[in-house]
Amino acid sequence: MDTIDAILTRRSTRRFSPEVPGRELIEKVIESGRYAPSGGNSQTTHFLVITDAAILKELAWIVQTAFAKMEIREDTYASLKNSINASKRGGYIFHYNTPVLIVTANKKGYGNAMADSSCALENMMIAANALDLGSCWINQLHWLDEDEAVREYLYGLGLQEDETVTGALALGFSAEGLPNRSPLPRTGNPVTWISEI
């Protein structure tokens, strides 16, 4: 698969096989993230790679508990509302039962923290598609970055106190076999040309 195909056919996977991909495949995905551009070539994105099923289960419970305590306000955006409502109902698994979760973090107060981590996450999603792996960008840990219980648990996994959680990537084999690569129509993301060519 060439690079353009890997980009244009990438779709989010939300149903994963319980099979953990081989370490070599996971390392290729992570290396693709590590080679993403960063502001001033700072290379400060930190990757926490979780493949332990018990830790993933406990992290899901901590996240569900944190969201269940939250109240929905008028200005709460739709995807956060969904996480809160699902947590209040119980049984919410924010990472879609993925066998691999790659949490990204970056330096607190660093102006390019989110941009650098976003580039890394996108690189990893494209690499995953090229390697026939499914992936999905996960925001819930970023939304809960200030939650004391979530941070304490992540400290135990290697998060540093001077880091902010910027996102995560669910990674694994799709429950359907190959990742879904059906095209999605582009109905947004307008393009405005300023110069003539």
Protein backbone atom coordinates (compact mmCIF):
# COMPACT_ATOMS: atom_id res chain seq x y z
CA MET A 1 0.00 0.00 0.00
CA ASP A 2 1.49 3.37 -0.94
CA THR A 3 1.44 6.38 1.39
CA ILE A 4 -1.50 8.16 -0.26
CA ASP A 5 -3.61 4.98 -0.16
CA ALA A 6 -2.70 4.44 3.50
CA ILE A 7 -3.93 7.98 4.27
CA LEU A 8 -7.07 7.96 2.13
CA THR A 9 -8.24 4.49 3.22
CA ARG A 10 -7.62 4.92 6.97
CA ARG A 11 -10.77 4.49 9.08
CA SER A 12 -11.26 4.23 12.82
CA THR A 13 -11.62 0.73 14.27
CA ARG A 14 -13.83 0.37 17.33
CA ARG A 15 -14.14 -3.43 17.47
CA PHE A 16 -10.89 -5.24 18.11
CA SER A 17 -9.84 -8.86 18.20
CA PRO A 18 -8.42 -9.80 21.63
CA GLU A 19 -5.23 -11.02 19.91
CA VAL A 20 -2.25 -8.81 20.74
CA PRO A 21 -0.23 -7.94 17.62
CA GLY A 22 3.41 -9.05 17.69
CA ARG A 23 5.86 -6.69 19.33
CA GLU A 24 7.59 -6.03 15.98
CA LEU A 25 4.33 -4.67 14.50
CA ILE A 26 3.66 -2.50 17.55
CA GLU A 27 7.20 -1.16 17.44
CA LYS A 28 6.80 -0.19 13.76
CA VAL A 29 3.69 1.80 14.64
CA ILE A 30 5.42 3.51 17.58
CA GLU A 31 8.51 4.28 15.51
CA SER A 32 6.26 5.97 12.94
CA GLY A 33 4.95 8.17 15.76
CA ARG A 34 8.45 8.91 17.03
CA TYR A 35 9.43 10.14 13.56
CA ALA A 36 6.59 12.68 13.39
CA PRO A 37 7.56 16.33 13.11
CA SER A 38 7.80 18.38 16.30
CA GLY A 39 8.19 22.09 16.98
CA GLY A 40 11.87 23.00 16.82
CA ASN A 41 12.58 19.25 16.55
CA SER A 42 11.91 19.08 20.31
CA GLN A 43 10.97 15.36 20.22
CA THR A 44 9.21 15.59 23.61
CA THR A 45 6.19 13.37 22.92
CA HIS A 46 6.20 10.51 25.44
CA PHE A 47 4.62 7.17 24.41
CA LEU A 48 3.21 4.88 27.14
CA VAL A 49 2.51 1.50 25.54
CA ILE A 50 0.03 -0.67 27.45
CA THR A 51 -0.50 -4.30 26.41
CA ASP A 52 -1.35 -5.74 29.84
CA ALA A 53 -5.05 -6.74 29.80
CA ALA A 54 -5.43 -6.32 33.58
CA ILE A 55 -4.05 -2.77 33.44
CA LEU A 56 -6.30 -1.90 30.49
CA LYS A 57 -9.31 -3.22 32.43
CA GLU A 58 -8.40 -1.26 35.58
CA LEU A 59 -7.74 1.91 33.57
CA ALA A 60 -11.17 1.56 31.92
CA TRP A 61 -12.79 1.31 35.35
CA ILE A 62 -10.92 4.40 36.64
CA VAL A 63 -11.96 6.36 33.55
CA GLN A 64 -15.59 5.23 33.85
CA THR A 65 -15.62 6.27 37.52
CA ALA A 66 -14.18 9.72 36.68
CA PHE A 67 -16.71 10.37 33.92
CA ALA A 68 -19.63 9.09 36.04
CA LYS A 69 -18.90 11.86 38.58
CA MET A 70 -19.10 14.58 35.93
CA GLU A 71 -22.18 16.66 35.23
CA ILE A 72 -23.32 17.57 31.73
CA ARG A 73 -23.60 21.30 31.18
CA GLU A 74 -25.16 23.24 28.36
CA ASP A 75 -21.76 23.79 26.73
CA THR A 76 -20.58 20.15 27.03
CA TYR A 77 -19.73 18.94 23.56
CA ALA A 78 -21.37 15.84 22.09
CA SER A 79 -18.57 13.28 22.35
CA LEU A 80 -17.84 14.21 25.98
CA LYS A 81 -21.59 13.94 26.73
CA ASN A 82 -21.53 10.43 25.26
CA SER A 83 -18.64 9.40 27.54
CA ILE A 84 -20.36 10.85 30.62
CA ASN A 85 -23.73 9.25 29.83
CA ALA A 86 -22.19 5.87 29.02
CA SER A 87 -20.20 5.98 32.27
CA LYS A 88 -23.28 6.78 34.33
CA ARG A 89 -25.03 3.73 32.80
CA GLY A 90 -22.02 1.53 33.65
CA GLY A 91 -19.91 -0.84 31.58
CA TYR A 92 -18.20 1.96 29.65
CA ILE A 93 -14.92 0.86 28.04
CA PHE A 94 -13.34 4.01 26.65
CA HIS A 95 -10.66 2.13 24.69
CA TYR A 96 -13.04 -0.30 22.90
CA ASN A 97 -11.39 -3.36 24.52
CA THR A 98 -8.25 -2.82 22.48
CA PRO A 99 -5.34 -5.16 23.22
CA VAL A 100 -2.88 -2.25 22.84
CA LEU A 101 -3.29 1.32 24.07
CA ILE A 102 -0.60 3.87 23.30
CA VAL A 103 -0.99 6.95 25.50
CA THR A 104 0.74 10.12 24.34
CA ALA A 105 1.91 12.85 26.68
CA ASN A 106 4.00 15.95 26.31
CA LYS A 107 5.48 18.71 28.43
CA LYS A 108 3.06 20.93 30.40
CA GLY A 109 3.23 24.53 29.23
CA TYR A 110 4.88 23.60 25.94
CA GLY A 111 2.98 25.48 23.24
CA ASN A 112 3.33 22.70 20.66
CA ALA A 113 2.45 19.82 23.01
CA MET A 114 -0.87 19.01 21.34
CA ALA A 115 0.34 19.69 17.79
CA ASP A 116 3.41 17.47 18.18
CA SER A 117 1.42 14.65 19.75
CA SER A 118 -1.29 14.96 17.09
CA CYS A 119 1.30 14.53 14.35
CA ALA A 120 2.60 11.43 16.15
CA LEU A 121 -0.89 9.97 16.57
CA GLU A 122 -1.71 10.56 12.89
CA ASN A 123 1.55 8.94 11.78
CA MET A 124 0.75 5.93 13.95
CA MET A 125 -2.78 5.60 12.53
CA ILE A 126 -1.48 5.71 8.96
CA ALA A 127 1.25 3.18 9.78
CA ALA A 128 -1.32 0.90 11.44
CA ASN A 129 -3.47 0.96 8.31
CA ALA A 130 -0.47 0.17 6.11
CA LEU A 131 0.32 -2.79 8.41
CA ASP A 132 -3.30 -4.10 8.26
CA LEU A 133 -3.93 -3.08 11.87
CA GLY A 134 -6.97 -1.22 13.13
CA SER A 135 -6.61 1.94 15.19
CA CYS A 136 -8.70 4.67 16.78
CA TRP A 137 -7.70 8.01 18.27
CA ILE A 138 -8.86 8.14 21.90
CA ASN A 139 -9.45 11.53 23.61
CA GLN A 140 -10.86 10.44 26.97
CA LEU A 141 -7.55 10.43 28.86
CA HIS A 142 -6.81 13.92 27.53
CA TRP A 143 -10.23 15.11 28.74
CA LEU A 144 -9.44 13.63 32.16
CA ASP A 145 -5.88 14.96 32.33
CA GLU A 146 -6.64 16.97 35.49
CA ASP A 147 -8.50 14.13 37.25
CA GLU A 148 -6.43 13.15 40.28
CA ALA A 149 -7.25 9.42 40.20
CA VAL A 150 -6.51 9.13 36.48
CA ARG A 151 -3.20 11.00 36.82
CA GLU A 152 -2.12 8.97 39.84
CA TYR A 153 -2.75 5.75 37.96
CA LEU A 154 -0.86 7.01 34.91
CA TYR A 155 2.05 8.10 37.12
CA GLY A 156 2.35 4.45 38.08
CA LEU A 157 2.61 3.57 34.39
CA GLY A 158 5.37 6.10 33.67
CA LEU A 159 3.64 9.46 33.13
CA GLN A 160 5.87 12.24 34.48
CA GLU A 161 4.52 15.00 36.72
CA ASP A 162 5.64 17.66 34.24
CA GLU A 163 3.65 16.04 31.42
CA THR A 164 0.11 16.52 30.16
CA VAL A 165 -1.83 13.69 28.53
CA THR A 166 -2.44 14.67 24.91
CA GLY A 167 -4.27 11.61 23.56
CA ALA A 168 -4.11 7.89 23.03
CA LEU A 169 -4.32 5.33 20.28
CA ALA A 170 -6.28 2.08 20.43
CA LEU A 171 -4.37 -0.42 18.30
CA GLY A 172 -4.90 -4.02 17.28
CA PHE A 173 -6.39 -6.38 14.76
CA SER A 174 -9.90 -5.51 13.67
CA ALA A 175 -12.57 -7.94 14.87
CA GLU A 176 -13.66 -8.12 11.21
CA GLY A 177 -10.20 -9.15 9.96
CA LEU A 178 -8.73 -6.37 7.87
CA PRO A 179 -9.48 -2.77 8.89
CA ASN A 180 -12.51 -1.12 7.33
CA ARG A 181 -11.23 0.87 4.37
CA SER A 182 -14.54 1.94 2.83
CA PRO A 183 -14.39 5.52 1.59
CA LEU A 184 -16.26 8.17 3.56
CA PRO A 185 -17.66 11.15 1.66
CA ARG A 186 -16.04 14.49 2.43
CA THR A 187 -18.84 16.84 3.46
CA GLY A 188 -16.68 19.28 5.43
CA ASN A 189 -13.11 20.53 5.51
CA PRO A 190 -13.61 23.22 2.84
CA VAL A 191 -10.73 24.26 0.58
CA THR A 192 -10.21 27.85 -0.56
CA TRP A 193 -7.65 28.51 -3.30
CA ILE A 194 -6.06 31.95 -3.08
CA SER A 195 -3.62 31.89 -5.97
CA GLU A 196 -4.00 30.81 -9.57
CA ILE A 197 -2.06 27.83 -10.86
